[in-house]
C-alpha atoms as a PDB file:
ATOM      1  CA  MET A   1     -12.918 103.837 -52.257  1.00  0.00           C
ATOM      2  CA  GLN A   2     -11.999 103.244 -48.643  1.00  0.00           C
ATOM      3  CA  ILE A   3      -8.693 103.556 -46.814  1.00  0.00           C
ATOM      4  CA  LEU A   4      -8.416 100.316 -44.849  1.00  0.00           C
ATOM      5  CA  ARG A   5      -5.252 101.089 -42.909  1.00  0.00           C
ATOM      6  CA  THR A   6      -2.572 103.771 -42.674  1.00  0.00           C
ATOM      7  CA  LEU A   7       1.042 103.112 -41.775  1.00  0.00           C
ATOM      8  CA  VAL A   8       3.612 105.768 -40.943  1.00  0.00           C
ATOM      9  CA  ARG A   9       6.679 105.229 -43.120  1.00  0.00           C
ATOM     10  CA  ILE A  10       9.999 105.872 -41.403  1.00  0.00           C
ATOM     11  CA  VAL A  11      13.374 105.599 -43.124  1.00  0.00           C
ATOM     12  CA  VAL A  12      15.889 104.094 -40.681  1.00  0.00           C
ATOM     13  CA  ASP A  13      19.647 103.586 -40.741  1.00  0.00           C
ATOM     14  CA  SER A  14      19.437 100.056 -39.350  1.00  0.00           C
ATOM     15  CA  LEU A  15      16.376  97.839 -39.276  1.00  0.00           C
ATOM     16  CA  ASP A  16      18.201  95.573 -36.801  1.00  0.00           C
ATOM     17  CA  ASP A  17      18.440  98.491 -34.359  1.00  0.00           C
ATOM     18  CA  SER A  18      15.035 100.086 -35.027  1.00  0.00           C
ATOM     19  CA  LEU A  19      12.562  97.207 -35.324  1.00  0.00           C
ATOM     20  CA  PRO A  20      13.049  95.846 -31.767  1.00  0.00           C
ATOM     21  CA  LEU A  21      12.284  99.265 -30.280  1.00  0.00           C
ATOM     22  CA  PHE A  22       9.067  99.613 -32.294  1.00  0.00           C
ATOM     23  CA  GLU A  23       8.093  96.054 -31.321  1.00  0.00           C
ATOM     24  CA  ASP A  24       8.532  97.042 -27.668  1.00  0.00           C
ATOM     25  CA  LEU A  25       6.637 100.324 -28.126  1.00  0.00           C
ATOM     26  CA  THR A  26       3.679  98.574 -29.780  1.00  0.00           C
ATOM     27  CA  ASP A  27       3.872  95.347 -27.750  1.00  0.00           C
ATOM     28  CA  THR A  28       3.809  93.347 -30.990  1.00  0.00           C
ATOM     29  CA  THR A  29       6.049  90.970 -32.867  1.00  0.00           C
ATOM     30  CA  GLY A  30       7.096  92.730 -36.036  1.00  0.00           C
ATOM     31  CA  ILE A  31       7.742  91.221 -39.414  1.00  0.00           C
ATOM     32  CA  ARG A  32      10.564  91.897 -41.817  1.00  0.00           C
ATOM     33  CA  PHE A  33      11.120  91.169 -45.474  1.00  0.00           C
ATOM     34  CA  PRO A  34      13.290  92.348 -48.366  1.00  0.00           C
ATOM     35  CA  TYR A  35      12.012  94.619 -51.128  1.00  0.00           C
ATOM     36  CA  ARG A  36      14.565  94.862 -53.926  1.00  0.00           C
ATOM     37  CA  GLU A  37      17.748  96.030 -52.156  1.00  0.00           C
ATOM     38  CA  TRP A  38      15.773  97.541 -49.266  1.00  0.00           C
ATOM     39  CA  GLN A  39      14.862  95.896 -45.955  1.00  0.00           C
ATOM     40  CA  ILE A  40      11.321  96.454 -44.657  1.00  0.00           C
ATOM     41  CA  GLY A  41       9.985  95.992 -41.149  1.00  0.00           C
ATOM     42  CA  ILE A  42       6.426  96.422 -39.881  1.00  0.00           C
ATOM     43  CA  ALA A  43       5.416  96.759 -36.244  1.00  0.00           C
ATOM     44  CA  GLN A  44       1.719  97.546 -35.907  1.00  0.00           C
ATOM     45  CA  ASP A  45       1.241 100.811 -37.870  1.00  0.00           C
ATOM     46  CA  PHE A  46       4.925 101.641 -38.317  1.00  0.00           C
ATOM     47  CA  LEU A  47       6.536 100.780 -41.656  1.00  0.00           C
ATOM     48  CA  LEU A  48      10.315 100.909 -41.207  1.00  0.00           C
ATOM     49  CA  VAL A  49      12.428 101.101 -44.357  1.00  0.00           C
ATOM     50  CA  GLN A  50      16.198 100.627 -44.522  1.00  0.00           C
ATOM     51  CA  ILE A  51      17.394 102.012 -47.863  1.00  0.00           C
ATOM     52  CA  PRO A  52      21.049 101.678 -48.907  1.00  0.00           C
ATOM     53  CA  ALA A  53      22.567 105.014 -49.923  1.00  0.00           C
ATOM     54  CA  GLY A  54      21.907 105.936 -53.531  1.00  0.00           C
ATOM     55  CA  THR A  55      19.122 103.409 -54.140  1.00  0.00           C
ATOM     56  CA  GLY A  56      16.067 105.393 -53.044  1.00  0.00           C
ATOM     57  CA  PRO A  57      13.772 107.700 -55.000  1.00  0.00           C
ATOM     58  CA  ALA A  58      14.250 111.474 -55.063  1.00  0.00           C
ATOM     59  CA  TRP A  59      11.128 111.926 -52.909  1.00  0.00           C
ATOM     60  CA  VAL A  60      10.407 110.636 -49.422  1.00  0.00           C
ATOM     61  CA  ILE A  61       7.122 108.818 -48.827  1.00  0.00           C
ATOM     62  CA  GLN A  62       5.653 109.851 -45.473  1.00  0.00           C
ATOM     63  CA  ALA A  63       2.830 107.310 -45.188  1.00  0.00           C
ATOM     64  CA  LEU A  64       1.347 104.188 -46.726  1.00  0.00           C
ATOM     65  CA  CYS A  65      -2.432 104.005 -47.099  1.00  0.00           C
ATOM     66  CA  VAL A  66      -3.845 100.554 -47.805  1.00  0.00           C
ATOM     67  CA  VAL A  67      -6.945 100.926 -49.979  1.00  0.00           C
ATOM     68  CA  ASP A  68      -9.689  98.627 -51.209  1.00  0.00           C
ATOM     69  CA  GLU A  69      -9.812 100.049 -54.747  1.00  0.00           C
ATOM     70  CA  LEU A  70      -7.206 101.852 -56.875  1.00  0.00           C
ATOM     71  CA  SER A  71      -9.045 103.503 -59.784  1.00  0.00           C
ATOM     72  CA  GLU A  72     -11.345 105.513 -57.491  1.00  0.00           C
ATOM     73  CA  THR A  73      -8.336 106.449 -55.394  1.00  0.00           C
ATOM     74  CA  LEU A  74      -6.568 107.750 -58.507  1.00  0.00           C
ATOM     75  CA  GLN A  75      -9.638 109.762 -59.501  1.00  0.00           C
ATOM     76  CA  THR A  76      -9.992 111.251 -56.019  1.00  0.00           C
ATOM     77  CA  LEU A  77      -6.308 112.180 -55.974  1.00  0.00           C
ATOM     78  CA  THR A  78      -6.348 113.852 -59.385  1.00  0.00           C
ATOM     79  CA  ASP A  79      -9.621 115.647 -58.634  1.00  0.00           C
ATOM     80  CA  GLY A  80      -7.990 116.921 -55.444  1.00  0.00           C
ATOM     81  CA  GLY A  81      -4.998 118.368 -57.286  1.00  0.00           C
ATOM     82  CA  ALA A  82      -2.442 115.696 -56.383  1.00  0.00           C
ATOM     83  CA  GLU A  83       0.536 115.112 -58.660  1.00  0.00           C
ATOM     84  CA  ILE A  84       0.861 111.434 -59.537  1.00  0.00           C
ATOM     85  CA  LEU A  85       4.551 110.602 -59.190  1.00  0.00           C
ATOM     86  CA  ARG A  86       4.195 106.934 -60.100  1.00  0.00           C
ATOM     87  CA  GLY A  87       1.472 104.502 -60.941  1.00  0.00           C
ATOM     88  CA  PRO A  88      -0.755 102.761 -60.954  1.00  0.00           C
ATOM     89  CA  THR A  89       2.103 100.267 -60.989  1.00  0.00           C
ATOM     90  CA  ASP A  90       2.446  96.561 -60.263  1.00  0.00           C
ATOM     91  CA  VAL A  91       4.762  96.056 -57.284  1.00  0.00           C
ATOM     92  CA  PRO A  92       5.649  92.885 -55.354  1.00  0.00           C
ATOM     93  CA  SER A  93       3.103  93.827 -52.664  1.00  0.00           C
ATOM     94  CA  GLY A  94       0.205  94.492 -55.085  1.00  0.00           C
ATOM     95  CA  ARG A  95      -0.515  97.655 -57.107  1.00  0.00           C
ATOM     96  CA  ASN A  96       0.293 101.158 -55.988  1.00  0.00           C
ATOM     97  CA  ILE A  97       0.121 104.846 -56.701  1.00  0.00           C
ATOM     98  CA  ILE A  98       2.570 107.350 -55.272  1.00  0.00           C
ATOM     99  CA  ALA A  99       1.162 110.857 -55.143  1.00  0.00           C
ATOM    100  CA  ARG A 100       2.315 114.269 -53.976  1.00  0.00           C
ATOM    101  CA  HIS A 101      -0.637 116.062 -52.420  1.00  0.00           C
ATOM    102  CA  SER A 102      -1.107 119.782 -52.993  1.00  0.00           C
ATOM    103  CA  ASP A 103       0.284 120.385 -49.472  1.00  0.00           C
ATOM    104  CA  GLY A 104       3.534 118.636 -50.454  1.00  0.00           C
ATOM    105  CA  MET A 105       3.005 115.341 -48.602  1.00  0.00           C
ATOM    106  CA  VAL A 106       4.028 112.245 -50.559  1.00  0.00           C
ATOM    107  CA  ILE A 107       1.862 109.201 -49.844  1.00  0.00           C
ATOM    108  CA  GLU A 108       1.827 105.686 -51.272  1.00  0.00           C
ATOM    109  CA  TYR A 109      -1.611 104.161 -51.871  1.00  0.00           C
ATOM    110  CA  LEU A 110      -1.481 100.367 -52.021  1.00  0.00           C
ATOM    111  CA  LEU A 111      -4.039  97.824 -53.145  1.00  0.00           C
ATOM    112  CA  PRO A 112      -2.386  94.797 -51.531  1.00  0.00           C
ATOM    113  CA  ASN A 113      -2.137  91.375 -53.085  1.00  0.00           C
ATOM    114  CA  ALA A 114      -3.175  88.368 -50.988  1.00  0.00           C
ATOM    115  CA  ASP A 115       0.321  87.805 -49.555  1.00  0.00           C
ATOM    116  CA  MET A 116       0.717  91.426 -48.463  1.00  0.00           C
ATOM    117  CA  ALA A 117      -2.797  91.503 -47.006  1.00  0.00           C
ATOM    118  CA  LYS A 118      -1.834  88.493 -44.844  1.00  0.00           C
ATOM    119  CA  LEU A 119       1.417  90.175 -43.779  1.00  0.00           C
ATOM    120  CA  LEU A 120      -0.446  93.333 -42.786  1.00  0.00           C
ATOM    121  CA  GLN A 121      -2.892  91.289 -40.707  1.00  0.00           C
ATOM    122  CA  THR A 122       0.022  89.516 -39.013  1.00  0.00           C
ATOM    123  CA  ALA A 123       1.709  92.839 -38.218  1.00  0.00           C
ATOM    124  CA  GLY A 124      -1.193  94.051 -36.132  1.00  0.00           C
END
């Protein structure tokens, strides 16, 4: 198992207001796309998420780790005492696991599908 990339996940009130600033800060052109009723933006290693009130999960994901293999990731997480909140689950971007680490951090581990892998390459 290898973590290929880590993105900081930030919940924002307005993607229209937030994404341009992160594009300027990273000197990149971000990408944006819908995910269910959410709006997602990526600028380099910042994953911006606009979630309408009442549609998000009870927990807040602090980071997204893109991995090259999911079953080893699951084993490493459970061996390390993490609580698996969801997954492995098929999602539009690939397959994921959402885990709460023993220190309380909630992290999404994603094995991206081909389309998401291309998007991540485009986003820096």
